[in-house]
PDB file of N, CA and C in Angstrom:
ATOM      1  N   MET A   1      -2.526  -9.969   7.356  1.00  0.00           N
ATOM      2  CA  MET A   1      -1.527 -10.759   8.048  1.00  0.00           C
ATOM      3  C   MET A   1      -0.749 -11.568   7.021  1.00  0.00           C
ATOM      4  N   GLY A   2       0.572 -11.509   7.176  1.00  0.00           N
ATOM      5  CA  GLY A   2       1.431 -12.178   6.209  1.00  0.00           C
ATOM      6  C   GLY A   2       2.029 -11.188   5.234  1.00  0.00           C
ATOM      7  N   ALA A   3       2.110  -9.929   5.660  1.00  0.00           N
ATOM      8  CA  ALA A   3       2.644  -8.874   4.795  1.00  0.00           C
ATOM      9  C   ALA A   3       4.086  -9.165   4.415  1.00  0.00           C
ATOM     10  N   SER A   4       4.418  -8.872   3.171  1.00  0.00           N
ATOM     11  CA  SER A   4       5.762  -9.119   2.653  1.00  0.00           C
ATOM     12  C   SER A   4       6.330  -7.851   2.033  1.00  0.00           C
ATOM     13  N   LEU A   5       7.636  -7.683   2.204  1.00  0.00           N
ATOM     14  CA  LEU A   5       8.341  -6.573   1.560  1.00  0.00           C
ATOM     15  C   LEU A   5       8.617  -6.861   0.086  1.00  0.00           C
ATOM     16  N   LYS A   6       8.485  -8.115  -0.317  1.00  0.00           N
ATOM     17  CA  LYS A   6       8.772  -8.507  -1.692  1.00  0.00           C
ATOM     18  C   LYS A   6       7.647  -8.049  -2.615  1.00  0.00           C
ATOM     19  N   SER A   7       8.006  -7.242  -3.608  1.00  0.00           N
ATOM     20  CA  SER A   7       6.999  -6.628  -4.480  1.00  0.00           C
ATOM     21  C   SER A   7       6.245  -7.629  -5.343  1.00  0.00           C
ATOM     22  N   ASN A   8       6.771  -8.851  -5.496  1.00  0.00           N
ATOM     23  CA  ASN A   8       6.083  -9.848  -6.316  1.00  0.00           C
ATOM     24  C   ASN A   8       5.106 -10.696  -5.510  1.00  0.00           C
ATOM     25  N   ARG A   9       4.941 -10.422  -4.219  1.00  0.00           N
ATOM     26  CA  ARG A   9       4.018 -11.179  -3.375  1.00  0.00           C
ATOM     27  C   ARG A   9       2.640 -10.530  -3.388  1.00  0.00           C
ATOM     28  N   TYR A  10       1.613 -11.363  -3.351  1.00  0.00           N
ATOM     29  CA  TYR A  10       0.244 -10.855  -3.376  1.00  0.00           C
ATOM     30  C   TYR A  10      -0.061 -10.001  -2.147  1.00  0.00           C
ATOM     31  N   SER A  11       0.504 -10.344  -1.009  1.00  0.00           N
ATOM     32  CA  SER A  11       0.261  -9.541   0.192  1.00  0.00           C
ATOM     33  C   SER A  11       0.794  -8.116   0.014  1.00  0.00           C
ATOM     34  N   ASN A  12       1.917  -7.985  -0.662  1.00  0.00           N
ATOM     35  CA  ASN A  12       2.497  -6.672  -0.932  1.00  0.00           C
ATOM     36  C   ASN A  12       1.586  -5.883  -1.860  1.00  0.00           C
ATOM     37  N   LEU A  13       1.145  -6.532  -2.919  1.00  0.00           N
ATOM     38  CA  LEU A  13       0.240  -5.896  -3.873  1.00  0.00           C
ATOM     39  C   LEU A  13      -1.070  -5.505  -3.197  1.00  0.00           C
ATOM     40  N   ALA A  14      -1.561  -6.338  -2.294  1.00  0.00           N
ATOM     41  CA  ALA A  14      -2.808  -6.039  -1.587  1.00  0.00           C
ATOM     42  C   ALA A  14      -2.666  -4.767  -0.753  1.00  0.00           C
ATOM     43  N   ILE A  15      -1.532  -4.590  -0.094  1.00  0.00           N
ATOM     44  CA  ILE A  15      -1.324  -3.367   0.686  1.00  0.00           C
ATOM     45  C   ILE A  15      -1.400  -2.151  -0.222  1.00  0.00           C
ATOM     46  N   HIS A  16      -0.702  -2.209  -1.345  1.00  0.00           N
ATOM     47  CA  HIS A  16      -0.740  -1.088  -2.304  1.00  0.00           C
ATOM     48  C   HIS A  16      -2.179  -0.792  -2.748  1.00  0.00           C
ATOM     49  N   ARG A  17      -2.905  -1.825  -3.102  1.00  0.00           N
ATOM     50  CA  ARG A  17      -4.265  -1.631  -3.615  1.00  0.00           C
ATOM     51  C   ARG A  17      -5.217  -1.152  -2.521  1.00  0.00           C
ATOM     52  N   LEU A  18      -5.076  -1.671  -1.307  1.00  0.00           N
ATOM     53  CA  LEU A  18      -5.921  -1.202  -0.201  1.00  0.00           C
ATOM     54  C   LEU A  18      -5.680   0.280   0.058  1.00  0.00           C
ATOM     55  N   VAL A  19      -4.419   0.691   0.045  1.00  0.00           N
ATOM     56  CA  VAL A  19      -4.081   2.110   0.236  1.00  0.00           C
ATOM     57  C   VAL A  19      -4.674   2.939  -0.906  1.00  0.00           C
ATOM     58  N   ASN A  20      -4.540   2.454  -2.136  1.00  0.00           N
ATOM     59  CA  ASN A  20      -5.096   3.172  -3.295  1.00  0.00           C
ATOM     60  C   ASN A  20      -6.611   3.279  -3.238  1.00  0.00           C
ATOM     61  N   HIS A  21      -7.264   2.323  -2.581  1.00  0.00           N
ATOM     62  CA  HIS A  21      -8.714   2.348  -2.419  1.00  0.00           C
ATOM     63  C   HIS A  21      -9.130   3.089  -1.143  1.00  0.00           C
ATOM     64  N   LYS A  22      -8.181   3.829  -0.570  1.00  0.00           N
ATOM     65  CA  LYS A  22      -8.451   4.682   0.602  1.00  0.00           C
ATOM     66  C   LYS A  22      -8.903   3.892   1.829  1.00  0.00           C
ATOM     67  N   GLN A  23      -8.430   2.653   1.964  1.00  0.00           N
ATOM     68  CA  GLN A  23      -8.722   1.851   3.151  1.00  0.00           C
ATOM     69  C   GLN A  23      -7.665   2.136   4.211  1.00  0.00           C
ATOM     70  N   ASN A  24      -8.076   2.166   5.471  1.00  0.00           N
ATOM     71  CA  ASN A  24      -7.107   2.259   6.559  1.00  0.00           C
ATOM     72  C   ASN A  24      -6.452   0.895   6.683  1.00  0.00           C
ATOM     73  N   VAL A  25      -5.134   0.862   6.690  1.00  0.00           N
ATOM     74  CA  VAL A  25      -4.409  -0.400   6.641  1.00  0.00           C
ATOM     75  C   VAL A  25      -3.394  -0.479   7.781  1.00  0.00           C
ATOM     76  N   VAL A  26      -3.368  -1.624   8.434  1.00  0.00           N
ATOM     77  CA  VAL A  26      -2.260  -1.998   9.304  1.00  0.00           C
ATOM     78  C   VAL A  26      -1.753  -3.321   8.765  1.00  0.00           C
ATOM     79  N   ALA A  27      -0.461  -3.553   8.897  1.00  0.00           N
ATOM     80  CA  ALA A  27       0.132  -4.755   8.313  1.00  0.00           C
ATOM     81  C   ALA A  27       0.950  -5.488   9.362  1.00  0.00           C
ATOM     82  N   PHE A  28       0.890  -6.816   9.297  1.00  0.00           N
ATOM     83  CA  PHE A  28       1.675  -7.668  10.172  1.00  0.00           C
ATOM     84  C   PHE A  28       2.450  -8.648   9.310  1.00  0.00           C
ATOM     85  N   GLY A  29       3.741  -8.782   9.602  1.00  0.00           N
ATOM     86  CA  GLY A  29       4.576  -9.719   8.873  1.00  0.00           C
ATOM     87  C   GLY A  29       5.753 -10.150   9.717  1.00  0.00           C
ATOM     88  N   LEU A  30       6.598 -10.961   9.139  1.00  0.00           N
ATOM     89  CA  LEU A  30       7.760 -11.485   9.873  1.00  0.00           C
ATOM     90  C   LEU A  30       8.949 -10.534   9.845  1.00  0.00           C
ATOM     91  N   ARG A  31       8.974  -9.633   8.866  1.00  0.00           N
ATOM     92  CA  ARG A  31      10.100  -8.691   8.740  1.00  0.00           C
ATOM     93  C   ARG A  31       9.595  -7.258   8.767  1.00  0.00           C
ATOM     94  N   GLU A  32      10.294  -6.431   9.542  1.00  0.00           N
ATOM     95  CA  GLU A  32       9.958  -5.009   9.600  1.00  0.00           C
ATOM     96  C   GLU A  32      10.259  -4.360   8.264  1.00  0.00           C
ATOM     97  N   GLY A  33       9.510  -3.338   7.987  1.00  0.00           N
ATOM     98  CA  GLY A  33       9.717  -2.579   6.766  1.00  0.00           C
ATOM     99  C   GLY A  33       8.493  -1.739   6.499  1.00  0.00           C
ATOM    100  N   GLU A  34       8.416  -1.232   5.288  1.00  0.00           N
ATOM    101  CA  GLU A  34       7.311  -0.364   4.912  1.00  0.00           C
ATOM    102  C   GLU A  34       6.895  -0.666   3.483  1.00  0.00           C
ATOM    103  N   VAL A  35       5.585  -0.699   3.276  1.00  0.00           N
ATOM    104  CA  VAL A  35       5.017  -0.911   1.947  1.00  0.00           C
ATOM    105  C   VAL A  35       3.960   0.156   1.732  1.00  0.00           C
ATOM    106  N   SER A  36       4.104   0.936   0.684  1.00  0.00           N
ATOM    107  CA  SER A  36       3.124   1.966   0.342  1.00  0.00           C
ATOM    108  C   SER A  36       2.825   2.890   1.521  1.00  0.00           C
ATOM    109  N   GLY A  37       3.867   3.203   2.285  1.00  0.00           N
ATOM    110  CA  GLY A  37       3.707   4.096   3.435  1.00  0.00           C
ATOM    111  C   GLY A  37       3.167   3.422   4.683  1.00  0.00           C
ATOM    112  N   ILE A  38       2.936   2.117   4.636  1.00  0.00           N
ATOM    113  CA  ILE A  38       2.399   1.367   5.777  1.00  0.00           C
ATOM    114  C   ILE A  38       3.531   0.577   6.425  1.00  0.00           C
ATOM    115  N   LYS A  39       3.726   0.788   7.718  1.00  0.00           N
ATOM    116  CA  LYS A  39       4.752   0.056   8.454  1.00  0.00           C
ATOM    117  C   LYS A  39       4.290  -1.378   8.670  1.00  0.00           C
ATOM    118  N   ILE A  40       5.160  -2.327   8.396  1.00  0.00           N
ATOM    119  CA  ILE A  40       4.860  -3.730   8.686  1.00  0.00           C
ATOM    120  C   ILE A  40       5.263  -3.990  10.133  1.00  0.00           C
ATOM    121  N   GLU A  41       4.271  -4.314  10.939  1.00  0.00           N
ATOM    122  CA  GLU A  41       4.501  -4.620  12.350  1.00  0.00           C
ATOM    123  C   GLU A  41       4.941  -6.077  12.478  1.00  0.00           C
ATOM    124  N   THR A  42       5.833  -6.334  13.420  1.00  0.00           N
ATOM    125  CA  THR A  42       6.265  -7.703  13.679  1.00  0.00           C
ATOM    126  C   THR A  42       5.823  -8.170  15.064  1.00  0.00           C
ATOM    127  N   ASP A  43       5.279  -7.246  15.848  1.00  0.00           N
ATOM    128  CA  ASP A  43       4.743  -7.577  17.169  1.00  0.00           C
ATOM    129  C   ASP A  43       3.228  -7.659  17.086  1.00  0.00           C
ATOM    130  N   LEU A  44       2.635  -8.483  17.935  1.00  0.00           N
ATOM    131  CA  LEU A  44       1.182  -8.631  17.968  1.00  0.00           C
ATOM    132  C   LEU A  44       0.589  -7.489  18.776  1.00  0.00           C
ATOM    133  N   ILE A  45       0.174  -6.468  18.086  1.00  0.00           N
ATOM    134  CA  ILE A  45      -0.356  -5.254  18.701  1.00  0.00           C
ATOM    135  C   ILE A  45      -1.871  -5.385  18.860  1.00  0.00           C
ATOM    136  N   ASP A  46      -2.385  -4.890  19.965  1.00  0.00           N
ATOM    137  CA  ASP A  46      -3.835  -4.901  20.208  1.00  0.00           C
ATOM    138  C   ASP A  46      -4.479  -3.722  19.491  1.00  0.00           C
ATOM    139  N   PHE A  47      -4.683  -3.864  18.194  1.00  0.00           N
ATOM    140  CA  PHE A  47      -5.305  -2.805  17.407  1.00  0.00           C
ATOM    141  C   PHE A  47      -6.781  -2.695  17.764  1.00  0.00           C
ATOM    142  N   ASP A  48      -7.322  -1.485  17.676  1.00  0.00           N
ATOM    143  CA  ASP A  48      -8.750  -1.243  17.875  1.00  0.00           C
ATOM    144  C   ASP A  48      -9.415  -1.073  16.517  1.00  0.00           C
ATOM    145  N   ASP A  49     -10.692  -1.403  16.466  1.00  0.00           N
ATOM    146  CA  ASP A  49     -11.518  -1.137  15.284  1.00  0.00           C
ATOM    147  C   ASP A  49     -11.013  -1.795  14.008  1.00  0.00           C
ATOM    148  N   ILE A  50     -10.601  -3.051  14.100  1.00  0.00           N
ATOM    149  CA  ILE A  50     -10.214  -3.807  12.901  1.00  0.00           C
ATOM    150  C   ILE A  50     -11.486  -4.370  12.273  1.00  0.00           C
ATOM    151  N   ASP A  51     -11.778  -3.966  11.053  1.00  0.00           N
ATOM    152  CA  ASP A  51     -12.963  -4.458  10.351  1.00  0.00           C
ATOM    153  C   ASP A  51     -12.678  -5.790   9.672  1.00  0.00           C
ATOM    154  N   THR A  52     -11.556  -5.859   8.967  1.00  0.00           N
ATOM    155  CA  THR A  52     -11.251  -7.020   8.135  1.00  0.00           C
ATOM    156  C   THR A  52      -9.794  -7.428   8.320  1.00  0.00           C
ATOM    157  N   ILE A  53      -9.586  -8.723   8.477  1.00  0.00           N
ATOM    158  CA  ILE A  53      -8.234  -9.283   8.417  1.00  0.00           C
ATOM    159  C   ILE A  53      -8.165 -10.057   7.114  1.00  0.00           C
ATOM    160  N   THR A  54      -7.157  -9.766   6.307  1.00  0.00           N
ATOM    161  CA  THR A  54      -6.966 -10.519   5.074  1.00  0.00           C
ATOM    162  C   THR A  54      -5.703 -11.352   5.243  1.00  0.00           C
ATOM    163  N   LEU A  55      -5.872 -12.657   5.155  1.00  0.00           N
ATOM    164  CA  LEU A  55      -4.792 -13.592   5.448  1.00  0.00           C
ATOM    165  C   LEU A  55      -3.964 -13.948   4.223  1.00  0.00           C
ATOM    166  N   TYR A  56      -2.645 -13.916   4.409  1.00  0.00           N
ATOM    167  CA  TYR A  56      -1.682 -14.401   3.426  1.00  0.00           C
ATOM    168  C   TYR A  56      -0.707 -15.334   4.129  1.00  0.00           C
ATOM    169  N   LEU A  57      -1.238 -16.146   5.043  1.00  0.00           N
ATOM    170  CA  LEU A  57      -0.456 -17.156   5.764  1.00  0.00           C
ATOM    171  C   LEU A  57      -1.073 -18.514   5.495  1.00  0.00           C
ATOM    172  N   ASN A  58      -0.257 -19.512   5.203  1.00  0.00           N
ATOM    173  CA  ASN A  58      -0.822 -20.841   4.976  1.00  0.00           C
ATOM    174  C   ASN A  58      -1.387 -21.385   6.290  1.00  0.00           C
ATOM    175  N   PRO A  59      -2.274 -22.367   6.225  1.00  0.00           N
ATOM    176  CA  PRO A  59      -2.942 -22.861   7.437  1.00  0.00           C
ATOM    177  C   PRO A  59      -1.999 -23.277   8.564  1.00  0.00           C
ATOM    178  N   ALA A  60      -0.883 -23.884   8.247  1.00  0.00           N
ATOM    179  CA  ALA A  60       0.055 -24.300   9.295  1.00  0.00           C
ATOM    180  C   ALA A  60       0.620 -23.091  10.044  1.00  0.00           C
ATOM    181  N   ARG A  61       0.848 -22.000   9.346  1.00  0.00           N
ATOM    182  CA  ARG A  61       1.391 -20.785   9.977  1.00  0.00           C
ATOM    183  C   ARG A  61       0.317 -19.989  10.708  1.00  0.00           C
ATOM    184  N   GLN A  62      -0.944 -20.184  10.341  1.00  0.00           N
ATOM    185  CA  GLN A  62      -2.047 -19.465  10.995  1.00  0.00           C
ATOM    186  C   GLN A  62      -2.242 -19.909  12.439  1.00  0.00           C
ATOM    187  N   LYS A  63      -1.996 -21.179  12.700  1.00  0.00           N
ATOM    188  CA  LYS A  63      -2.322 -21.796  13.982  1.00  0.00           C
ATOM    189  C   LYS A  63      -1.839 -20.975  15.177  1.00  0.00           C
ATOM    190  N   GLN A  64      -0.631 -20.466  15.103  1.00  0.00           N
ATOM    191  CA  GLN A  64      -0.076 -19.700  16.221  1.00  0.00           C
ATOM    192  C   GLN A  64      -0.758 -18.341  16.421  1.00  0.00           C
ATOM    193  N   TYR A  65      -1.577 -17.929  15.468  1.00  0.00           N
ATOM    194  CA  TYR A  65      -2.237 -16.624  15.550  1.00  0.00           C
ATOM    195  C   TYR A  65      -3.742 -16.718  15.807  1.00  0.00           C
ATOM    196  N   TYR A  66      -4.296 -17.901  16.004  1.00  0.00           N
ATOM    197  CA  TYR A  66      -5.740 -18.056  16.199  1.00  0.00           C
ATOM    198  C   TYR A  66      -6.250 -17.123  17.302  1.00  0.00           C
ATOM    199  N   GLU A  67      -5.665 -17.198  18.472  1.00  0.00           N
ATOM    200  CA  GLU A  67      -6.134 -16.383  19.597  1.00  0.00           C
ATOM    201  C   GLU A  67      -6.007 -14.892  19.298  1.00  0.00           C
ATOM    202  N   TYR A  68      -4.907 -14.522  18.672  1.00  0.00           N
ATOM    203  CA  TYR A  68      -4.697 -13.111  18.330  1.00  0.00           C
ATOM    204  C   TYR A  68      -5.762 -12.622  17.356  1.00  0.00           C
ATOM    205  N   ILE A  69      -6.023 -13.391  16.324  1.00  0.00           N
ATOM    206  CA  ILE A  69      -7.033 -13.000  15.331  1.00  0.00           C
ATOM    207  C   ILE A  69      -8.387 -12.800  16.010  1.00  0.00           C
ATOM    208  N   VAL A  70      -8.788 -13.746  16.827  1.00  0.00           N
ATOM    209  CA  VAL A  70     -10.071 -13.639  17.527  1.00  0.00           C
ATOM    210  C   VAL A  70     -10.065 -12.443  18.477  1.00  0.00           C
ATOM    211  N   SER A  71      -8.942 -12.186  19.144  1.00  0.00           N
ATOM    212  CA  SER A  71      -8.871 -11.077  20.108  1.00  0.00           C
ATOM    213  C   SER A  71      -9.059  -9.714  19.447  1.00  0.00           C
ATOM    214  N   LEU A  72      -8.743  -9.617  18.159  1.00  0.00           N
ATOM    215  CA  LEU A  72      -8.927  -8.346  17.440  1.00  0.00           C
ATOM    216  C   LEU A  72     -10.395  -8.086  17.112  1.00  0.00           C
ATOM    217  N   ASN A  73     -11.202  -9.130  17.209  1.00  0.00           N
ATOM    218  CA  ASN A  73     -12.648  -9.041  16.978  1.00  0.00           C
ATOM    219  C   ASN A  73     -13.005  -8.347  15.659  1.00  0.00           C
ATOM    220  N   PRO A  74     -12.432  -8.825  14.550  1.00  0.00           N
ATOM    221  CA  PRO A  74     -12.799  -8.223  13.269  1.00  0.00           C
ATOM    222  C   PRO A  74     -14.213  -8.641  12.873  1.00  0.00           C
ATOM    223  N   ARG A  75     -14.804  -7.892  11.954  1.00  0.00           N
ATOM    224  CA  ARG A  75     -16.105  -8.278  11.404  1.00  0.00           C
ATOM    225  C   ARG A  75     -15.948  -9.521  10.534  1.00  0.00           C
ATOM    226  N   ARG A  76     -14.821  -9.593   9.790  1.00  0.00           N
ATOM    227  CA  ARG A  76     -14.591 -10.724   8.893  1.00  0.00           C
ATOM    228  C   ARG A  76     -13.102 -10.999   8.739  1.00  0.00           C
ATOM    229  N   VAL A  77     -12.828 -12.219   8.308  1.00  0.00           N
ATOM    230  CA  VAL A  77     -11.476 -12.634   7.939  1.00  0.00           C
ATOM    231  C   VAL A  77     -11.556 -13.168   6.520  1.00  0.00           C
ATOM    232  N   ILE A  78     -10.742 -12.603   5.639  1.00  0.00           N
ATOM    233  CA  ILE A  78     -10.693 -13.060   4.252  1.00  0.00           C
ATOM    234  C   ILE A  78      -9.569 -14.088   4.120  1.00  0.00           C
ATOM    235  N   PHE A  79      -9.938 -15.268   3.641  1.00  0.00           N
ATOM    236  CA  PHE A  79      -8.983 -16.337   3.381  1.00  0.00           C
ATOM    237  C   PHE A  79      -8.649 -16.297   1.896  1.00  0.00           C
ATOM    238  N   ASN A  80      -7.489 -15.745   1.571  1.00  0.00           N
ATOM    239  CA  ASN A  80      -7.040 -15.651   0.194  1.00  0.00           C
ATOM    240  C   ASN A  80      -6.638 -17.041  -0.309  1.00  0.00           C
ATOM    241  N   PRO A  81      -6.539 -17.228  -1.629  1.00  0.00           N
ATOM    242  CA  PRO A  81      -6.166 -18.541  -2.163  1.00  0.00           C
ATOM    243  C   PRO A  81      -4.915 -19.095  -1.483  1.00  0.00           C
ATOM    244  N   GLY A  82      -5.007 -20.344  -1.055  1.00  0.00           N
ATOM    245  CA  GLY A  82      -3.904 -21.004  -0.379  1.00  0.00           C
ATOM    246  C   GLY A  82      -3.939 -20.887   1.133  1.00  0.00           C
ATOM    247  N   THR A  83      -4.897 -20.106   1.652  1.00  0.00           N
ATOM    248  CA  THR A  83      -4.984 -19.906   3.103  1.00  0.00           C
ATOM    249  C   THR A  83      -6.220 -20.570   3.709  1.00  0.00           C
ATOM    250  N   GLU A  84      -6.983 -21.257   2.896  1.00  0.00           N
ATOM    251  CA  GLU A  84      -8.228 -21.873   3.347  1.00  0.00           C
ATOM    252  C   GLU A  84      -7.962 -22.779   4.553  1.00  0.00           C
ATOM    253  N   ASN A  85      -8.829 -22.664   5.599  1.00  0.00           N
ATOM    254  CA  ASN A  85      -8.558 -23.365   6.848  1.00  0.00           C
ATOM    255  C   ASN A  85      -9.856 -23.639   7.616  1.00  0.00           C
ATOM    256  N   PRO A  86     -10.493 -24.786   7.388  1.00  0.00           N
ATOM    257  CA  PRO A  86     -11.755 -25.112   8.068  1.00  0.00           C
ATOM    258  C   PRO A  86     -11.668 -25.053   9.598  1.00  0.00           C
ATOM    259  N   GLU A  87     -10.525 -25.397  10.146  1.00  0.00           N
ATOM    260  CA  GLU A  87     -10.372 -25.326  11.610  1.00  0.00           C
ATOM    261  C   GLU A  87     -10.549 -23.884  12.099  1.00  0.00           C
ATOM    262  N   LEU A  88      -9.925 -22.942  11.406  1.00  0.00           N
ATOM    263  CA  LEU A  88     -10.060 -21.533  11.793  1.00  0.00           C
ATOM    264  C   LEU A  88     -11.459 -21.016  11.473  1.00  0.00           C
ATOM    265  N   TYR A  89     -12.085 -21.483  10.383  1.00  0.00           N
ATOM    266  CA  TYR A  89     -13.469 -21.078  10.100  1.00  0.00           C
ATOM    267  C   TYR A  89     -14.344 -21.371  11.309  1.00  0.00           C
ATOM    268  N   ASP A  90     -14.205 -22.573  11.875  1.00  0.00           N
ATOM    269  CA  ASP A  90     -15.028 -22.969  13.019  1.00  0.00           C
ATOM    270  C   ASP A  90     -14.763 -22.095  14.240  1.00  0.00           C
ATOM    271  N   ILE A  91     -13.512 -21.793  14.488  1.00  0.00           N
ATOM    272  CA  ILE A  91     -13.159 -20.921  15.614  1.00  0.00           C
ATOM    273  C   ILE A  91     -13.785 -19.548  15.427  1.00  0.00           C
ATOM    274  N   LEU A  92     -13.700 -19.020  14.220  1.00  0.00           N
ATOM    275  CA  LEU A  92     -14.266 -17.703  13.931  1.00  0.00           C
ATOM    276  C   LEU A  92     -15.781 -17.715  14.091  1.00  0.00           C
ATOM    277  N   LYS A  93     -16.411 -18.759  13.573  1.00  0.00           N
ATOM    278  CA  LYS A  93     -17.873 -18.860  13.663  1.00  0.00           C
ATOM    279  C   LYS A  93     -18.331 -18.824  15.117  1.00  0.00           C
ATOM    280  N   ARG A  94     -17.633 -19.550  15.994  1.00  0.00           N
ATOM    281  CA  ARG A  94     -17.974 -19.553  17.423  1.00  0.00           C
ATOM    282  C   ARG A  94     -17.822 -18.170  18.053  1.00  0.00           C
ATOM    283  N   SER A  95     -16.996 -17.328  17.432  1.00  0.00           N
ATOM    284  CA  SER A  95     -16.779 -15.964  17.926  1.00  0.00           C
ATOM    285  C   SER A  95     -17.585 -14.942  17.134  1.00  0.00           C
ATOM    286  N   THR A  96     -18.532 -15.413  16.335  1.00  0.00           N
ATOM    287  CA  THR A  96     -19.388 -14.582  15.466  1.00  0.00           C
ATOM    288  C   THR A  96     -18.582 -13.658  14.555  1.00  0.00           C
ATOM    289  N   ILE A  97     -17.500 -14.210  14.015  1.00  0.00           N
ATOM    290  CA  ILE A  97     -16.677 -13.507  13.034  1.00  0.00           C
ATOM    291  C   ILE A  97     -16.864 -14.218  11.699  1.00  0.00           C
ATOM    292  N   GLU A  98     -17.156 -13.451  10.656  1.00  0.00           N
ATOM    293  CA  GLU A  98     -17.389 -14.013   9.334  1.00  0.00           C
ATOM    294  C   GLU A  98     -16.087 -14.503   8.710  1.00  0.00           C
ATOM    295  N   ALA A  99     -16.098 -15.699   8.161  1.00  0.00           N
ATOM    296  CA  ALA A  99     -14.977 -16.241   7.389  1.00  0.00           C
ATOM    297  C   ALA A  99     -15.367 -16.162   5.917  1.00  0.00           C
ATOM    298  N   GLU A 100     -14.580 -15.463   5.134  1.00  0.00           N
ATOM    299  CA  GLU A 100     -14.876 -15.284   3.717  1.00  0.00           C
ATOM    300  C   GLU A 100     -13.715 -15.850   2.895  1.00  0.00           C
ATOM    301  N   VAL A 101     -14.012 -16.843   2.078  1.00  0.00           N
ATOM    302  CA  VAL A 101     -13.000 -17.417   1.194  1.00  0.00           C
ATOM    303  C   VAL A 101     -13.073 -16.641  -0.110  1.00  0.00           C
ATOM    304  N   ALA A 102     -12.060 -15.822  -0.342  1.00  0.00           N
ATOM    305  CA  ALA A 102     -12.075 -14.922  -1.497  1.00  0.00           C
ATOM    306  C   ALA A 102     -10.656 -14.408  -1.731  1.00  0.00           C
ATOM    307  N   CYS A 103     -10.508 -13.645  -2.772  1.00  0.00           N
ATOM    308  CA  CYS A 103      -9.232 -13.009  -3.069  1.00  0.00           C
ATOM    309  C   CYS A 103      -9.396 -11.503  -2.862  1.00  0.00           C
ATOM    310  N   THR A 104      -8.627 -10.963  -1.947  1.00  0.00           N
ATOM    311  CA  THR A 104      -8.699  -9.529  -1.650  1.00  0.00           C
ATOM    312  C   THR A 104      -8.500  -8.701  -2.904  1.00  0.00           C
ATOM    313  N   LEU A 105      -7.554  -9.094  -3.750  1.00  0.00           N
ATOM    314  CA  LEU A 105      -7.273  -8.322  -4.967  1.00  0.00           C
ATOM    315  C   LEU A 105      -8.459  -8.318  -5.916  1.00  0.00           C
ATOM    316  N   VAL A 106      -9.126  -9.449  -6.045  1.00  0.00           N
ATOM    317  CA  VAL A 106     -10.318  -9.534  -6.894  1.00  0.00           C
ATOM    318  C   VAL A 106     -11.447  -8.707  -6.286  1.00  0.00           C
ATOM    319  N   LEU A 107     -11.656  -8.837  -4.984  1.00  0.00           N
ATOM    320  CA  LEU A 107     -12.704  -8.045  -4.327  1.00  0.00           C
ATOM    321  C   LEU A 107     -12.496  -6.554  -4.551  1.00  0.00           C
ATOM    322  N   LEU A 108     -11.272  -6.105  -4.441  1.00  0.00           N
ATOM    323  CA  LEU A 108     -10.975  -4.686  -4.664  1.00  0.00           C
ATOM    324  C   LEU A 108     -11.203  -4.284  -6.108  1.00  0.00           C
ATOM    325  N   SER A 109     -10.761  -5.123  -7.044  1.00  0.00           N
ATOM    326  CA  SER A 109     -10.868  -4.766  -8.465  1.00  0.00           C
ATOM    327  C   SER A 109     -12.287  -4.806  -8.993  1.00  0.00           C
ATOM    328  N   THR A 110     -13.188  -5.509  -8.279  1.00  0.00           N
ATOM    329  CA  THR A 110     -14.590  -5.587  -8.705  1.00  0.00           C
ATOM    330  C   THR A 110     -15.509  -4.788  -7.777  1.00  0.00           C
ATOM    331  N   ASN A 111     -14.922  -3.934  -6.962  1.00  0.00           N
ATOM    332  CA  ASN A 111     -15.676  -3.088  -6.025  1.00  0.00           C
ATOM    333  C   ASN A 111     -16.581  -3.886  -5.095  1.00  0.00           C
ATOM    334  N   GLN A 112     -16.125  -5.065  -4.670  1.00  0.00           N
ATOM    335  CA  GLN A 112     -16.890  -5.903  -3.747  1.00  0.00           C
ATOM    336  C   GLN A 112     -16.216  -5.990  -2.380  1.00  0.00           C
ATOM    337  N   TYR A 113     -15.138  -5.244  -2.186  1.00  0.00           N
ATOM    338  CA  TYR A 113     -14.413  -5.330  -0.919  1.00  0.00           C
ATOM    339  C   TYR A 113     -15.273  -4.782   0.207  1.00  0.00           C
TER     340      TYR A 113
END
């Protein structure tokens, strides 16, 4: 969540790396487009079988998506640097969703994703 068409953004790089690591990827952002063959959705779609949400939205922007994130019932949500949000951690915990404070790019590069 927080996908960007701008190639210098970490969310953009994460999409490329997730695709290169053979992960199934869906992307959500504010602007339609495509990154590494993945369409950036701008509507809140009820996706099935979401394992991990990796956040690239600051805490103030996350607030409007709390219910949506929980409704997707992911196994975990990765809070990348700058996205740390104790309020959302608590919401996730109550829904038995793991909150992981980490960097998706580092996890991928060290085979810990």
